[in-house]
Amino acid sequence: MTHIKTAISLQKPLFEQANALAREMRVSRSRLFVLALEDFIRRYQNQQLLDKINSAYEDATDSNEEFRLRQMRHQQRQIVEGEW
């Protein structure tokens, strides 16, 4: 795997927090940034996927689907009431 060096600018308090965390985790600062970026990308992709799934399910049901749902609920009530 090819490694590419990059430079980033951080505010001093954030840089100090990153240094402290890297020491605590016993990893290099570079490794800490890689872990953080990987996590950020994974969370972003998961949110994108969730948004797509939610978008697919937010379709309003049409009148035909509503009719079938009412029939199914009625049928289910009849079955359940007969068992109790």
Protein backbone atom coordinates (compact mmCIF):
# COMPACT_ATOMS: atom_id res chain seq x y z
CA MET A 1 0.00 0.00 0.00
CA THR A 2 1.36 3.40 -0.96
CA HIS A 3 1.64 6.01 1.75
CA ILE A 4 1.20 9.69 0.96
CA LYS A 5 2.37 12.43 3.26
CA THR A 6 0.09 15.36 3.82
CA ALA A 7 0.15 18.46 5.96
CA ILE A 8 -2.80 19.76 7.94
CA SER A 9 -3.30 22.86 10.02
CA LEU A 10 -4.79 22.49 13.48
CA GLN A 11 -5.52 24.93 16.22
CA LYS A 12 -3.03 24.50 19.05
CA PRO A 13 -5.54 23.13 21.64
CA LEU A 14 -6.69 20.42 19.20
CA PHE A 15 -3.10 19.54 18.34
CA GLU A 16 -2.27 19.20 22.03
CA GLN A 17 -5.30 16.98 22.60
CA ALA A 18 -4.25 14.80 19.65
CA ASN A 19 -0.73 14.52 21.04
CA ALA A 20 -2.02 13.56 24.47
CA LEU A 21 -4.39 10.98 23.04
CA ALA A 22 -1.69 9.49 20.80
CA ARG A 23 0.59 9.11 23.83
CA GLU A 24 -2.23 7.56 25.87
CA MET A 25 -3.06 5.12 23.07
CA ARG A 26 0.65 4.49 22.44
CA VAL A 27 0.36 5.20 18.72
CA SER A 28 2.01 7.81 16.56
CA ARG A 29 0.20 11.02 15.77
CA SER A 30 0.02 9.90 12.16
CA ARG A 31 -1.61 6.62 13.19
CA LEU A 32 -4.10 8.52 15.37
CA PHE A 33 -5.07 10.73 12.43
CA VAL A 34 -5.45 7.67 10.18
CA LEU A 35 -7.69 5.96 12.75
CA ALA A 36 -9.78 9.11 13.15
CA LEU A 37 -10.17 9.60 9.41
CA GLU A 38 -11.08 5.95 8.84
CA ASP A 39 -13.72 6.19 11.54
CA PHE A 40 -15.08 9.45 10.13
CA ILE A 41 -15.32 7.99 6.61
CA ARG A 42 -17.01 4.81 7.89
CA ARG A 43 -19.57 6.82 9.87
CA TYR A 44 -20.21 9.11 6.91
CA GLN A 45 -20.75 6.17 4.55
CA ASN A 46 -23.07 4.49 7.06
CA GLN A 47 -25.10 7.70 7.37
CA GLN A 48 -25.31 7.98 3.58
CA LEU A 49 -26.56 4.39 3.38
CA LEU A 50 -29.10 4.99 6.14
CA ASP A 51 -30.33 8.12 4.37
CA LYS A 52 -30.81 6.13 1.15
CA ILE A 53 -32.68 3.36 2.98
CA ASN A 54 -34.90 5.87 4.77
CA SER A 55 -35.55 7.66 1.49
CA ALA A 56 -36.61 4.40 -0.16
CA TYR A 57 -39.06 3.64 2.66
CA GLU A 58 -40.61 7.09 2.94
CA ASP A 59 -42.70 6.58 -0.17
CA ALA A 60 -46.35 7.17 0.57
CA THR A 61 -48.54 4.14 0.06
CA ASP A 62 -50.97 4.37 -2.82
CA SER A 63 -54.70 3.71 -2.47
CA ASN A 64 -54.34 0.10 -3.64
CA GLU A 65 -51.71 -0.59 -0.95
CA GLU A 66 -53.88 1.09 1.69
CA PHE A 67 -56.81 -1.11 0.71
CA ARG A 68 -54.69 -4.26 0.96
CA LEU A 69 -53.32 -3.19 4.34
CA ARG A 70 -56.84 -2.64 5.68
CA GLN A 71 -57.86 -6.09 4.42
CA MET A 72 -54.81 -7.71 6.02
CA ARG A 73 -55.45 -5.98 9.36
CA HIS A 74 -59.10 -7.04 9.29
CA GLN A 75 -58.11 -10.63 8.49
CA GLN A 76 -55.50 -10.66 11.24
CA ARG A 77 -58.04 -9.36 13.80
CA GLN A 78 -60.46 -12.12 12.84
CA ILE A 79 -57.78 -14.79 13.21
CA VAL A 80 -56.51 -13.46 16.55
CA GLU A 81 -60.00 -12.97 18.01
CA GLY A 82 -60.87 -16.55 17.06
CA GLU A 83 -57.84 -17.90 18.93
CA TRP A 84 -58.41 -15.97 22.15
